[in-house]
């Protein structure tokens, strides 16, 4: 049985096989999300949305939590690439998400 997508993403991130888009760099600075927080959230995260036709190639949205309990959404490429591309990262707005997993407004 093959590894799941989230397991493959976690493996690549743990091996430092990731890169940020310029948008992700900008957003992580504006939103005060450190690389360590991103790593923590991916290590405990789950895929909550799939984007098969994303402009960066197939990608997904991960919900994870930092060691301090901060929820983060991370959109990243699927592990078919050599490097996981971090497309964006942010702390989800509870007014837009139910349990940070389901969009309130589709």
C-alpha atoms as a PDB file:
ATOM      1  CA  UNK A   1       0.000   0.000   0.000  1.00  0.00           C
ATOM      2  CA  UNK A   2       1.373   3.416  -0.949  1.00  0.00           C
ATOM      3  CA  UNK A   3       1.748   6.357   1.337  1.00  0.00           C
ATOM      4  CA  UNK A   4      -1.077   8.834   1.534  1.00  0.00           C
ATOM      5  CA  UNK A   5      -0.695  12.297   0.044  1.00  0.00           C
ATOM      6  CA  UNK A   6      -0.431  13.971   3.470  1.00  0.00           C
ATOM      7  CA  UNK A   7       2.243  11.469   4.559  1.00  0.00           C
ATOM      8  CA  UNK A   8       4.258  12.185   1.411  1.00  0.00           C
ATOM      9  CA  UNK A   9       3.930  15.953   1.963  1.00  0.00           C
ATOM     10  CA  UNK A  10       5.021  15.580   5.607  1.00  0.00           C
ATOM     11  CA  UNK A  11       8.026  13.509   4.534  1.00  0.00           C
ATOM     12  CA  UNK A  12       9.228  16.088   2.023  1.00  0.00           C
ATOM     13  CA  UNK A  13       8.705  18.981   4.441  1.00  0.00           C
ATOM     14  CA  UNK A  14      10.586  17.116   7.194  1.00  0.00           C
ATOM     15  CA  UNK A  15      13.465  16.676   4.711  1.00  0.00           C
ATOM     16  CA  UNK A  16      13.396  20.419   3.951  1.00  0.00           C
ATOM     17  CA  UNK A  17      12.301  19.673   0.375  1.00  0.00           C
ATOM     18  CA  UNK A  18      10.010  22.692   0.076  1.00  0.00           C
ATOM     19  CA  UNK A  19       9.919  26.102  -1.533  1.00  0.00           C
ATOM     20  CA  UNK A  20       7.727  29.147  -1.033  1.00  0.00           C
ATOM     21  CA  UNK A  21       6.029  31.150  -3.760  1.00  0.00           C
ATOM     22  CA  UNK A  22       6.556  34.893  -3.457  1.00  0.00           C
ATOM     23  CA  UNK A  23       2.912  35.148  -2.371  1.00  0.00           C
ATOM     24  CA  UNK A  24       3.511  32.643   0.449  1.00  0.00           C
ATOM     25  CA  UNK A  25       6.604  34.563   1.605  1.00  0.00           C
ATOM     26  CA  UNK A  26       4.642  37.820   1.633  1.00  0.00           C
ATOM     27  CA  UNK A  27       1.686  36.285   3.460  1.00  0.00           C
ATOM     28  CA  UNK A  28       3.813  34.544   6.076  1.00  0.00           C
ATOM     29  CA  UNK A  29       5.518  37.862   6.865  1.00  0.00           C
ATOM     30  CA  UNK A  30       2.243  39.827   6.977  1.00  0.00           C
ATOM     31  CA  UNK A  31       0.568  37.161   9.110  1.00  0.00           C
ATOM     32  CA  UNK A  32       3.553  36.406  11.359  1.00  0.00           C
ATOM     33  CA  UNK A  33       3.719  32.723  10.446  1.00  0.00           C
ATOM     34  CA  UNK A  34       7.179  31.266  10.990  1.00  0.00           C
ATOM     35  CA  UNK A  35       8.663  28.376   9.032  1.00  0.00           C
ATOM     36  CA  UNK A  36       8.645  26.367  12.276  1.00  0.00           C
ATOM     37  CA  UNK A  37       4.903  26.995  12.719  1.00  0.00           C
ATOM     38  CA  UNK A  38       4.309  25.904   9.136  1.00  0.00           C
ATOM     39  CA  UNK A  39       6.284  22.701   9.771  1.00  0.00           C
ATOM     40  CA  UNK A  40       4.340  21.998  12.980  1.00  0.00           C
ATOM     41  CA  UNK A  41       0.991  22.525  11.249  1.00  0.00           C
ATOM     42  CA  UNK A  42       1.874  20.218   8.353  1.00  0.00           C
ATOM     43  CA  UNK A  43       3.214  17.563  10.749  1.00  0.00           C
ATOM     44  CA  UNK A  44      -0.200  17.347  12.448  1.00  0.00           C
ATOM     45  CA  UNK A  45      -2.369  18.483   9.559  1.00  0.00           C
ATOM     46  CA  UNK A  46      -5.080  17.010   7.385  1.00  0.00           C
ATOM     47  CA  UNK A  47      -6.090  17.786   3.819  1.00  0.00           C
ATOM     48  CA  UNK A  48      -9.441  19.602   3.842  1.00  0.00           C
ATOM     49  CA  UNK A  49      -9.721  20.704   0.189  1.00  0.00           C
ATOM     50  CA  UNK A  50      -8.284  19.561  -3.134  1.00  0.00           C
ATOM     51  CA  UNK A  51      -7.467  21.803  -6.094  1.00  0.00           C
ATOM     52  CA  UNK A  52      -6.779  19.475  -9.038  1.00  0.00           C
ATOM     53  CA  UNK A  53      -6.663  22.313 -11.590  1.00  0.00           C
ATOM     54  CA  UNK A  54      -4.592  24.889  -9.683  1.00  0.00           C
ATOM     55  CA  UNK A  55      -2.247  27.063 -11.755  1.00  0.00           C
ATOM     56  CA  UNK A  56       0.749  25.614  -9.864  1.00  0.00           C
ATOM     57  CA  UNK A  57      -0.392  22.079 -10.620  1.00  0.00           C
ATOM     58  CA  UNK A  58      -2.482  19.844  -8.406  1.00  0.00           C
ATOM     59  CA  UNK A  59      -2.557  21.265  -4.881  1.00  0.00           C
ATOM     60  CA  UNK A  60      -4.428  20.968  -1.613  1.00  0.00           C
ATOM     61  CA  UNK A  61      -5.382  22.934   1.473  1.00  0.00           C
ATOM     62  CA  UNK A  62      -4.099  21.582   4.771  1.00  0.00           C
ATOM     63  CA  UNK A  63      -5.492  22.446   8.186  1.00  0.00           C
ATOM     64  CA  UNK A  64      -2.971  21.959  10.965  1.00  0.00           C
ATOM     65  CA  UNK A  65      -2.146  23.316  14.371  1.00  0.00           C
ATOM     66  CA  UNK A  66       1.082  24.660  15.799  1.00  0.00           C
ATOM     67  CA  UNK A  67       2.441  23.441  19.126  1.00  0.00           C
ATOM     68  CA  UNK A  68       0.813  26.510  20.693  1.00  0.00           C
ATOM     69  CA  UNK A  69      -2.570  25.530  19.222  1.00  0.00           C
ATOM     70  CA  UNK A  70      -2.662  28.147  16.460  1.00  0.00           C
ATOM     71  CA  UNK A  71      -4.732  26.905  13.503  1.00  0.00           C
ATOM     72  CA  UNK A  72      -3.127  27.373  10.100  1.00  0.00           C
ATOM     73  CA  UNK A  73      -4.254  26.784   6.548  1.00  0.00           C
ATOM     74  CA  UNK A  74      -1.469  25.904   4.143  1.00  0.00           C
ATOM     75  CA  UNK A  75      -2.059  25.543   0.432  1.00  0.00           C
ATOM     76  CA  UNK A  76       0.692  23.496  -1.135  1.00  0.00           C
ATOM     77  CA  UNK A  77       1.449  21.441  -4.205  1.00  0.00           C
ATOM     78  CA  UNK A  78       0.977  17.705  -4.292  1.00  0.00           C
ATOM     79  CA  UNK A  79       4.128  15.640  -3.637  1.00  0.00           C
ATOM     80  CA  UNK A  80       4.532  14.714  -7.306  1.00  0.00           C
ATOM     81  CA  UNK A  81       7.093  17.526  -7.594  1.00  0.00           C
ATOM     82  CA  UNK A  82      10.651  17.268  -6.279  1.00  0.00           C
ATOM     83  CA  UNK A  83       9.902  20.129  -3.886  1.00  0.00           C
ATOM     84  CA  UNK A  84       6.641  20.880  -2.110  1.00  0.00           C
ATOM     85  CA  UNK A  85       5.591  24.348  -3.228  1.00  0.00           C
ATOM     86  CA  UNK A  86       4.018  26.378  -0.420  1.00  0.00           C
ATOM     87  CA  UNK A  87       1.477  28.544  -2.237  1.00  0.00           C
ATOM     88  CA  UNK A  88      -0.035  30.420   0.710  1.00  0.00           C
ATOM     89  CA  UNK A  89      -0.324  30.199   4.475  1.00  0.00           C
ATOM     90  CA  UNK A  90      -2.713  31.947   6.851  1.00  0.00           C
ATOM     91  CA  UNK A  91      -4.640  31.669  10.083  1.00  0.00           C
ATOM     92  CA  UNK A  92      -8.244  30.951   9.055  1.00  0.00           C
ATOM     93  CA  UNK A  93     -10.947  33.448   9.987  1.00  0.00           C
ATOM     94  CA  UNK A  94     -13.559  31.688  12.168  1.00  0.00           C
ATOM     95  CA  UNK A  95     -16.299  33.824  10.619  1.00  0.00           C
ATOM     96  CA  UNK A  96     -15.514  32.188   7.242  1.00  0.00           C
ATOM     97  CA  UNK A  97     -14.909  28.601   8.388  1.00  0.00           C
ATOM     98  CA  UNK A  98     -16.791  26.009  10.454  1.00  0.00           C
ATOM     99  CA  UNK A  99     -14.223  24.363  12.766  1.00  0.00           C
ATOM    100  CA  UNK A 100     -11.623  25.732  10.316  1.00  0.00           C
ATOM    101  CA  UNK A 101     -12.493  22.774   8.030  1.00  0.00           C
ATOM    102  CA  UNK A 102     -15.594  23.741   6.054  1.00  0.00           C
ATOM    103  CA  UNK A 103     -16.244  27.055   4.330  1.00  0.00           C
ATOM    104  CA  UNK A 104     -19.311  28.829   5.719  1.00  0.00           C
ATOM    105  CA  UNK A 105     -20.076  30.360   2.326  1.00  0.00           C
ATOM    106  CA  UNK A 106     -19.499  28.367  -0.822  1.00  0.00           C
END
